[in-house]
């Protein structure tokens, strides 16, 4: 399992505003650069759940892959997307109020073994961490822009 986290401060935006920008079903597809298409099914506002399907550009021999999982949220503090097929990915966004803004903590965990089997051992973890980190940084920038923020400060926290 490879886990990468990023923390960002979004100035002049409260957690509710950031949550709204992050959870907008029409904007979810713009968060991650590799998302080609996003579909929400069984969207249940009261239960705070939906089934989410993403079509992600992986490049190389993988092309575009279809990932299916569950989206859950606790408004306005957390959004969690768990993908089970074809690869195990968990992306968690946690928002907390901060002085004059919002602290956003994003974590992405990836298990390549279900997709690659024993070949996963030959994938350099740092290379995957760098790719995941770039994805999160791009998403944080988009969220900041969608939240109307002026400044974003992000730093890497890789495990």
C-alpha atoms as a PDB file:
ATOM      1  CA  UNK A   1       0.000   0.000   0.000  1.00  0.00           C
ATOM      2  CA  UNK A   2       1.346   3.389  -1.024  1.00  0.00           C
ATOM      3  CA  UNK A   3      -0.048   6.425   0.828  1.00  0.00           C
ATOM      4  CA  UNK A   4       0.487  10.083   0.007  1.00  0.00           C
ATOM      5  CA  UNK A   5      -0.972  13.094   1.807  1.00  0.00           C
ATOM      6  CA  UNK A   6      -1.082  16.789   1.181  1.00  0.00           C
ATOM      7  CA  UNK A   7      -2.196  19.587   3.461  1.00  0.00           C
ATOM      8  CA  UNK A   8      -3.457  22.919   2.215  1.00  0.00           C
ATOM      9  CA  UNK A   9      -4.641  26.124   3.826  1.00  0.00           C
ATOM     10  CA  UNK A  10      -7.418  27.839   1.906  1.00  0.00           C
ATOM     11  CA  UNK A  11      -7.588  31.464   2.952  1.00  0.00           C
ATOM     12  CA  UNK A  12     -10.855  33.369   3.370  1.00  0.00           C
ATOM     13  CA  UNK A  13     -13.058  30.311   2.871  1.00  0.00           C
ATOM     14  CA  UNK A  14     -14.960  28.460   5.580  1.00  0.00           C
ATOM     15  CA  UNK A  15     -15.222  24.632   5.565  1.00  0.00           C
ATOM     16  CA  UNK A  16     -18.791  24.806   4.244  1.00  0.00           C
ATOM     17  CA  UNK A  17     -17.692  26.756   1.150  1.00  0.00           C
ATOM     18  CA  UNK A  18     -14.755  24.442   0.505  1.00  0.00           C
ATOM     19  CA  UNK A  19     -16.965  21.381   1.016  1.00  0.00           C
ATOM     20  CA  UNK A  20     -19.461  22.765  -1.496  1.00  0.00           C
ATOM     21  CA  UNK A  21     -16.696  23.286  -4.084  1.00  0.00           C
ATOM     22  CA  UNK A  22     -15.250  19.840  -3.413  1.00  0.00           C
ATOM     23  CA  UNK A  23     -18.577  17.977  -3.408  1.00  0.00           C
ATOM     24  CA  UNK A  24     -20.217  19.613  -6.422  1.00  0.00           C
ATOM     25  CA  UNK A  25     -21.285  16.623  -8.592  1.00  0.00           C
ATOM     26  CA  UNK A  26     -20.819  18.726 -11.722  1.00  0.00           C
ATOM     27  CA  UNK A  27     -17.227  19.617 -10.772  1.00  0.00           C
ATOM     28  CA  UNK A  28     -15.920  16.317  -9.360  1.00  0.00           C
ATOM     29  CA  UNK A  29     -14.586  15.348 -12.771  1.00  0.00           C
ATOM     30  CA  UNK A  30     -12.342  18.410 -12.882  1.00  0.00           C
ATOM     31  CA  UNK A  31     -10.520  17.679  -9.616  1.00  0.00           C
ATOM     32  CA  UNK A  32      -8.015  15.069 -10.731  1.00  0.00           C
ATOM     33  CA  UNK A  33      -6.092  15.517 -13.995  1.00  0.00           C
ATOM     34  CA  UNK A  34      -6.471  11.851 -14.934  1.00  0.00           C
ATOM     35  CA  UNK A  35     -10.276  11.871 -14.674  1.00  0.00           C
ATOM     36  CA  UNK A  36     -11.702  11.598 -18.164  1.00  0.00           C
ATOM     37  CA  UNK A  37     -15.292  11.068 -17.043  1.00  0.00           C
ATOM     38  CA  UNK A  38     -17.145  10.743 -13.726  1.00  0.00           C
ATOM     39  CA  UNK A  39     -20.566   9.180 -13.186  1.00  0.00           C
ATOM     40  CA  UNK A  40     -22.595   9.319  -9.984  1.00  0.00           C
ATOM     41  CA  UNK A  41     -25.225   6.616  -9.420  1.00  0.00           C
ATOM     42  CA  UNK A  42     -27.613   5.969  -6.527  1.00  0.00           C
ATOM     43  CA  UNK A  43     -26.912   9.462  -5.184  1.00  0.00           C
ATOM     44  CA  UNK A  44     -28.595   9.657  -1.772  1.00  0.00           C
ATOM     45  CA  UNK A  45     -28.287  13.089  -0.142  1.00  0.00           C
ATOM     46  CA  UNK A  46     -29.942  11.976   3.110  1.00  0.00           C
ATOM     47  CA  UNK A  47     -27.720   8.888   3.538  1.00  0.00           C
ATOM     48  CA  UNK A  48     -24.661  10.836   2.322  1.00  0.00           C
ATOM     49  CA  UNK A  49     -23.668   8.103  -0.134  1.00  0.00           C
ATOM     50  CA  UNK A  50     -23.367   7.512  -3.856  1.00  0.00           C
ATOM     51  CA  UNK A  51     -21.798   4.973  -6.155  1.00  0.00           C
ATOM     52  CA  UNK A  52     -19.131   6.711  -8.217  1.00  0.00           C
ATOM     53  CA  UNK A  53     -17.565   5.506 -11.455  1.00  0.00           C
ATOM     54  CA  UNK A  54     -14.480   7.223 -12.812  1.00  0.00           C
ATOM     55  CA  UNK A  55     -12.770   6.720 -16.137  1.00  0.00           C
ATOM     56  CA  UNK A  56      -9.107   7.503 -15.567  1.00  0.00           C
ATOM     57  CA  UNK A  57      -6.345   7.924 -18.091  1.00  0.00           C
ATOM     58  CA  UNK A  58      -3.468   5.710 -16.982  1.00  0.00           C
ATOM     59  CA  UNK A  59      -1.349   5.938 -20.114  1.00  0.00           C
ATOM     60  CA  UNK A  60       0.885   3.237 -21.526  1.00  0.00           C
ATOM     61  CA  UNK A  61      -0.541  -0.249 -21.869  1.00  0.00           C
ATOM     62  CA  UNK A  62      -3.372   0.536 -19.441  1.00  0.00           C
ATOM     63  CA  UNK A  63      -5.001   3.328 -21.485  1.00  0.00           C
ATOM     64  CA  UNK A  64      -8.179   4.469 -19.722  1.00  0.00           C
ATOM     65  CA  UNK A  65      -9.496   2.318 -16.910  1.00  0.00           C
ATOM     66  CA  UNK A  66     -12.941   2.285 -15.344  1.00  0.00           C
ATOM     67  CA  UNK A  67     -12.881   2.457 -11.547  1.00  0.00           C
ATOM     68  CA  UNK A  68     -15.966   1.886  -9.456  1.00  0.00           C
ATOM     69  CA  UNK A  69     -16.435   2.602  -5.785  1.00  0.00           C
ATOM     70  CA  UNK A  70     -18.414   4.207  -2.994  1.00  0.00           C
ATOM     71  CA  UNK A  71     -18.512   7.901  -2.236  1.00  0.00           C
ATOM     72  CA  UNK A  72     -19.495   8.904   1.311  1.00  0.00           C
ATOM     73  CA  UNK A  73     -19.411  12.232   3.099  1.00  0.00           C
ATOM     74  CA  UNK A  74     -19.966  13.996   6.399  1.00  0.00           C
ATOM     75  CA  UNK A  75     -20.953  17.554   5.610  1.00  0.00           C
ATOM     76  CA  UNK A  76     -18.980  19.843   5.916  1.00  0.00           C
ATOM     77  CA  UNK A  77     -15.938  17.991   7.246  1.00  0.00           C
ATOM     78  CA  UNK A  78     -15.102  14.905   5.174  1.00  0.00           C
ATOM     79  CA  UNK A  79     -15.445  13.227   1.786  1.00  0.00           C
ATOM     80  CA  UNK A  80     -14.258   9.654   1.200  1.00  0.00           C
ATOM     81  CA  UNK A  81     -14.057   7.776  -2.103  1.00  0.00           C
ATOM     82  CA  UNK A  82     -13.166   4.075  -1.920  1.00  0.00           C
ATOM     83  CA  UNK A  83     -12.429   2.277  -5.175  1.00  0.00           C
ATOM     84  CA  UNK A  84     -12.333  -1.517  -5.114  1.00  0.00           C
ATOM     85  CA  UNK A  85     -12.100  -2.435  -8.799  1.00  0.00           C
ATOM     86  CA  UNK A  86      -9.888  -2.789 -10.721  1.00  0.00           C
ATOM     87  CA  UNK A  87      -7.409  -1.345  -8.210  1.00  0.00           C
ATOM     88  CA  UNK A  88      -7.832  -0.494  -4.545  1.00  0.00           C
ATOM     89  CA  UNK A  89      -7.686   3.294  -4.016  1.00  0.00           C
ATOM     90  CA  UNK A  90      -8.929   5.324  -1.082  1.00  0.00           C
ATOM     91  CA  UNK A  91      -9.068   9.119  -1.300  1.00  0.00           C
ATOM     92  CA  UNK A  92     -10.061  11.063   1.814  1.00  0.00           C
ATOM     93  CA  UNK A  93     -10.593  14.828   2.084  1.00  0.00           C
ATOM     94  CA  UNK A  94     -10.818  16.242   5.614  1.00  0.00           C
ATOM     95  CA  UNK A  95     -11.727  19.889   6.232  1.00  0.00           C
ATOM     96  CA  UNK A  96     -11.322  21.810   9.479  1.00  0.00           C
ATOM     97  CA  UNK A  97     -11.886  25.433  10.339  1.00  0.00           C
ATOM     98  CA  UNK A  98      -8.686  27.448  10.709  1.00  0.00           C
ATOM     99  CA  UNK A  99      -7.945  31.074  11.490  1.00  0.00           C
ATOM    100  CA  UNK A 100      -9.378  33.103   8.560  1.00  0.00           C
ATOM    101  CA  UNK A 101      -9.807  30.014   6.384  1.00  0.00           C
ATOM    102  CA  UNK A 102      -9.942  26.247   6.115  1.00  0.00           C
ATOM    103  CA  UNK A 103      -7.334  23.551   6.571  1.00  0.00           C
ATOM    104  CA  UNK A 104      -7.748  20.805   3.960  1.00  0.00           C
ATOM    105  CA  UNK A 105      -5.985  17.478   4.445  1.00  0.00           C
ATOM    106  CA  UNK A 106      -6.065  15.060   1.496  1.00  0.00           C
ATOM    107  CA  UNK A 107      -4.835  11.467   1.603  1.00  0.00           C
ATOM    108  CA  UNK A 108      -4.678   8.957  -1.224  1.00  0.00           C
ATOM    109  CA  UNK A 109      -3.803   5.292  -0.659  1.00  0.00           C
ATOM    110  CA  UNK A 110      -3.201   2.874  -3.514  1.00  0.00           C
ATOM    111  CA  UNK A 111      -2.736  -0.904  -3.542  1.00  0.00           C
ATOM    112  CA  UNK A 112      -1.450  -2.097  -6.915  1.00  0.00           C
ATOM    113  CA  UNK A 113      -1.497  -5.806  -6.054  1.00  0.00           C
ATOM    114  CA  UNK A 114      -5.120  -6.432  -7.151  1.00  0.00           C
ATOM    115  CA  UNK A 115      -4.344  -4.984 -10.582  1.00  0.00           C
ATOM    116  CA  UNK A 116      -0.764  -6.185 -11.119  1.00  0.00           C
ATOM    117  CA  UNK A 117      -0.510  -9.260  -8.880  1.00  0.00           C
ATOM    118  CA  UNK A 118       3.098 -10.215  -8.077  1.00  0.00           C
ATOM    119  CA  UNK A 119       4.350  -7.648 -10.608  1.00  0.00           C
ATOM    120  CA  UNK A 120       3.332  -4.895  -8.156  1.00  0.00           C
ATOM    121  CA  UNK A 121       6.546  -5.630  -6.241  1.00  0.00           C
ATOM    122  CA  UNK A 122       8.531  -4.298  -9.214  1.00  0.00           C
ATOM    123  CA  UNK A 123       6.812  -0.911  -9.302  1.00  0.00           C
ATOM    124  CA  UNK A 124       9.003   1.767  -7.670  1.00  0.00           C
ATOM    125  CA  UNK A 125       6.998   3.172  -4.716  1.00  0.00           C
ATOM    126  CA  UNK A 126       8.612   6.618  -4.985  1.00  0.00           C
ATOM    127  CA  UNK A 127       7.539   6.931  -8.602  1.00  0.00           C
ATOM    128  CA  UNK A 128       3.937   6.090  -7.655  1.00  0.00           C
ATOM    129  CA  UNK A 129       4.104   8.481  -4.681  1.00  0.00           C
ATOM    130  CA  UNK A 130       5.265  11.266  -6.989  1.00  0.00           C
ATOM    131  CA  UNK A 131       2.375  10.631  -9.385  1.00  0.00           C
ATOM    132  CA  UNK A 132      -0.206  10.504  -6.587  1.00  0.00           C
ATOM    133  CA  UNK A 133       1.269  13.636  -5.020  1.00  0.00           C
ATOM    134  CA  UNK A 134       0.989  15.536  -8.301  1.00  0.00           C
ATOM    135  CA  UNK A 135      -2.651  14.419  -8.602  1.00  0.00           C
ATOM    136  CA  UNK A 136      -3.455  15.684  -5.096  1.00  0.00           C
ATOM    137  CA  UNK A 137      -1.611  18.960  -5.645  1.00  0.00           C
ATOM    138  CA  UNK A 138      -3.571  19.575  -8.837  1.00  0.00           C
ATOM    139  CA  UNK A 139      -6.830  18.795  -7.028  1.00  0.00           C
ATOM    140  CA  UNK A 140      -5.941  21.146  -4.163  1.00  0.00           C
ATOM    141  CA  UNK A 141      -5.244  23.938  -6.644  1.00  0.00           C
ATOM    142  CA  UNK A 142      -8.598  23.352  -8.351  1.00  0.00           C
ATOM    143  CA  UNK A 143     -10.447  23.273  -5.025  1.00  0.00           C
ATOM    144  CA  UNK A 144      -8.762  26.490  -3.959  1.00  0.00           C
ATOM    145  CA  UNK A 145      -9.743  28.183  -7.207  1.00  0.00           C
ATOM    146  CA  UNK A 146     -13.320  26.871  -6.968  1.00  0.00           C
ATOM    147  CA  UNK A 147     -13.520  28.115  -3.376  1.00  0.00           C
ATOM    148  CA  UNK A 148     -12.541  31.633  -4.425  1.00  0.00           C
ATOM    149  CA  UNK A 149      -9.325  31.490  -2.442  1.00  0.00           C
ATOM    150  CA  UNK A 150      -6.396  33.801  -2.969  1.00  0.00           C
ATOM    151  CA  UNK A 151      -3.599  31.695  -1.431  1.00  0.00           C
ATOM    152  CA  UNK A 152      -2.865  27.998  -1.007  1.00  0.00           C
ATOM    153  CA  UNK A 153       0.077  26.633   0.944  1.00  0.00           C
ATOM    154  CA  UNK A 154       0.717  22.908   0.418  1.00  0.00           C
ATOM    155  CA  UNK A 155       3.474  20.639   1.625  1.00  0.00           C
ATOM    156  CA  UNK A 156       4.155  16.975   1.111  1.00  0.00           C
ATOM    157  CA  UNK A 157       3.502  14.416   3.821  1.00  0.00           C
ATOM    158  CA  UNK A 158       4.308  11.040   2.223  1.00  0.00           C
ATOM    159  CA  UNK A 159       4.231   7.766   4.107  1.00  0.00           C
END
